[in-house]
Amino acid sequence: MGWNMTELTPAQRRAFRAQAHHLHPVVSVAGNGLTPAVLKEIDNALQAHELIKIRVYGEDRSQRDTILNTVCSQLGAASVQHIGKTLVVWREKMQVEVGAHTPSDRPKPAPAKAKSAKALSARRGIASLNGTSAAKKPRWFPAPSKPSPRGSGS
């Protein structure tokens, strides 16, 4: 992997810090440290969101600094903020290769056909059983005619 690490201007860093304030951590680095699987999850999260928070469990600040530097250098991300056990990193979305298939590219399967009268009636109503269109239901009460004028003397 090993992309070029991105540097942010102080104004960009301030803007990203403001955007990240309301975010929740999407990746956690726990006792096993920064494994290749965790690095891949961080990469996926950066591709999806660009700006992410990472929660690092551990008391040693220098270890968290090392993790932040490793993430930034390995994935080409920029360090936005390191506050407590939370790291904020940013990387611009990369263009997806044209040959790669995304789930939305796959053809959608045709809807399943109903196999029984019960399934047909549950789906489309009784009218679908005999192949005719359903007639309009009669009203239970007759439609109101003109409203009677109020105050007619009796």
Protein backbone atom coordinates (compact mmCIF):
# COMPACT_ATOMS: atom_id res chain seq x y z
CA MET A 1 0.00 0.00 0.00
CA GLY A 2 2.01 2.95 1.32
CA TRP A 3 0.49 6.09 -0.21
CA ASN A 4 1.88 9.55 0.31
CA MET A 5 0.92 10.99 3.66
CA THR A 6 -1.30 14.04 3.30
CA GLU A 7 -0.52 17.26 5.15
CA LEU A 8 -3.29 19.64 6.13
CA THR A 9 -3.14 23.39 6.56
CA PRO A 10 -4.15 24.74 9.98
CA ALA A 11 -7.42 26.05 8.50
CA GLN A 12 -8.26 22.63 7.01
CA ARG A 13 -7.36 20.92 10.29
CA ARG A 14 -9.65 23.30 12.21
CA ALA A 15 -12.54 22.68 9.79
CA PHE A 16 -12.11 18.90 10.01
CA ARG A 17 -11.96 19.05 13.82
CA ALA A 18 -15.27 20.92 13.81
CA GLN A 19 -16.85 18.32 11.46
CA ALA A 20 -15.50 15.41 13.52
CA HIS A 21 -16.85 16.78 16.80
CA HIS A 22 -20.23 15.07 16.32
CA LEU A 23 -18.87 11.80 14.93
CA HIS A 24 -18.65 8.55 16.86
CA PRO A 25 -15.60 6.25 16.60
CA VAL A 26 -16.05 3.75 13.76
CA VAL A 27 -12.97 1.59 14.44
CA SER A 28 -11.48 0.44 17.74
CA VAL A 29 -7.88 -0.63 18.29
CA ALA A 30 -7.75 -2.87 21.34
CA GLY A 31 -5.28 -5.25 22.98
CA ASN A 32 -3.99 -6.87 19.77
CA GLY A 33 -2.86 -3.50 18.47
CA LEU A 34 -2.90 -2.39 14.87
CA THR A 35 -3.32 -5.73 13.06
CA PRO A 36 -3.65 -5.96 9.26
CA ALA A 37 -7.40 -6.63 9.71
CA VAL A 38 -7.82 -3.44 11.76
CA LEU A 39 -5.79 -1.48 9.19
CA LYS A 40 -8.08 -2.82 6.43
CA GLU A 41 -11.18 -1.74 8.42
CA ILE A 42 -9.71 1.74 8.84
CA ASP A 43 -9.02 1.85 5.10
CA ASN A 44 -12.63 0.82 4.34
CA ALA A 45 -13.99 3.42 6.77
CA LEU A 46 -11.84 6.15 5.21
CA GLN A 47 -13.05 5.17 1.75
CA ALA A 48 -16.67 5.32 2.91
CA HIS A 49 -16.58 8.42 5.13
CA GLU A 50 -13.29 10.32 4.48
CA LEU A 51 -13.26 11.70 8.04
CA ILE A 52 -13.31 9.13 10.86
CA LYS A 53 -12.63 8.74 14.54
CA ILE A 54 -10.60 5.81 15.84
CA ARG A 55 -10.79 4.72 19.50
CA VAL A 56 -7.49 3.33 20.84
CA TYR A 57 -7.68 1.40 24.11
CA GLY A 58 -4.47 1.63 26.08
CA GLU A 59 -2.89 3.93 28.63
CA ASP A 60 0.35 4.73 26.78
CA ARG A 61 0.16 7.99 24.80
CA SER A 62 3.36 7.25 22.86
CA GLN A 63 1.79 3.97 21.68
CA ARG A 64 -1.28 5.88 20.45
CA ASP A 65 1.03 8.35 18.64
CA THR A 66 2.79 5.42 16.96
CA ILE A 67 -0.57 3.95 15.87
CA LEU A 68 -1.64 7.34 14.47
CA ASN A 69 1.61 7.73 12.53
CA THR A 70 1.36 4.16 11.19
CA VAL A 71 -2.24 4.64 10.03
CA CYS A 72 -1.36 7.91 8.32
CA SER A 73 1.75 6.60 6.57
CA GLN A 74 0.28 3.21 5.55
CA LEU A 75 -3.05 4.54 4.28
CA GLY A 76 -2.08 7.99 3.02
CA ALA A 77 -4.31 9.71 5.55
CA ALA A 78 -3.83 13.00 7.37
CA SER A 79 -3.79 13.32 11.12
CA VAL A 80 -6.47 15.79 12.19
CA GLN A 81 -6.47 15.39 15.97
CA HIS A 82 -5.25 13.16 18.80
CA ILE A 83 -7.17 13.89 21.94
CA GLY A 84 -7.15 11.37 24.76
CA LYS A 85 -7.81 7.90 23.38
CA THR A 86 -9.50 9.22 20.24
CA LEU A 87 -7.70 9.75 16.94
CA VAL A 88 -9.26 11.70 14.09
CA VAL A 89 -7.93 11.03 10.59
CA TRP A 90 -8.96 12.19 7.12
CA ARG A 91 -8.28 10.93 3.62
CA GLU A 92 -9.93 11.98 0.38
CA LYS A 93 -12.03 9.27 -1.25
CA MET A 94 -10.21 7.38 -3.96
CA GLN A 95 -11.76 6.59 -7.32
CA VAL A 96 -13.02 3.02 -7.55
CA GLU A 97 -11.65 0.94 -10.41
CA VAL A 98 -14.01 0.60 -13.35
CA GLY A 99 -13.61 -3.20 -13.51
CA ALA A 100 -14.62 -3.73 -9.90
CA HIS A 101 -18.18 -4.90 -9.37
CA THR A 102 -20.20 -3.20 -6.70
CA PRO A 103 -23.37 -4.76 -5.30
CA SER A 104 -25.51 -2.22 -7.19
CA ASP A 105 -24.00 -3.37 -10.53
CA ARG A 106 -25.33 -6.92 -10.18
CA PRO A 107 -28.55 -7.70 -12.03
CA LYS A 108 -31.49 -7.90 -9.69
CA PRO A 109 -33.33 -11.25 -9.60
CA ALA A 110 -36.88 -11.34 -10.91
CA PRO A 111 -39.55 -11.31 -8.22
CA ALA A 112 -40.63 -14.80 -7.22
CA LYS A 113 -43.92 -16.03 -8.65
CA ALA A 114 -46.60 -17.13 -6.21
CA LYS A 115 -47.04 -20.89 -6.21
CA SER A 116 -50.41 -21.31 -4.54
CA ALA A 117 -53.85 -19.75 -4.47
CA LYS A 118 -53.29 -18.80 -0.86
CA ALA A 119 -50.09 -16.95 -1.71
CA LEU A 120 -51.76 -15.25 -4.67
CA SER A 121 -54.69 -14.06 -2.61
CA ALA A 122 -52.39 -12.83 0.12
CA ARG A 123 -50.36 -10.86 -2.39
CA ARG A 124 -52.87 -9.40 -4.78
CA GLY A 125 -56.29 -10.01 -3.34
CA ILE A 126 -59.01 -12.42 -4.36
CA ALA A 127 -59.40 -10.82 -7.79
CA SER A 128 -56.08 -12.32 -8.89
CA LEU A 129 -57.41 -15.84 -8.42
CA ASN A 130 -60.08 -15.67 -11.09
CA GLY A 131 -58.15 -13.33 -13.38
CA THR A 132 -60.68 -10.51 -13.28
CA SER A 133 -60.20 -7.08 -11.91
CA ALA A 134 -61.94 -6.46 -8.64
CA ALA A 135 -65.12 -4.44 -8.79
CA LYS A 136 -65.42 -1.45 -6.56
CA LYS A 137 -66.75 -2.36 -3.13
CA PRO A 138 -70.26 -1.10 -2.43
CA ARG A 139 -70.49 1.54 0.23
CA TRP A 140 -71.87 0.51 3.59
CA PHE A 141 -73.66 3.81 3.92
CA PRO A 142 -75.15 5.80 1.10
CA ALA A 143 -73.14 8.78 0.01
CA PRO A 144 -74.43 11.90 1.72
CA SER A 145 -76.62 14.02 -0.48
CA LYS A 146 -76.72 17.76 -0.09
CA PRO A 147 -76.31 18.79 3.52
CA SER A 148 -79.55 19.87 5.12
CA PRO A 149 -79.72 23.56 5.98
CA ARG A 150 -79.36 24.18 9.67
CA GLY A 151 -81.99 25.83 11.65
CA SER A 152 -84.91 24.62 9.61
CA GLY A 153 -87.83 25.34 11.91
CA SER A 154 -89.79 22.47 13.33
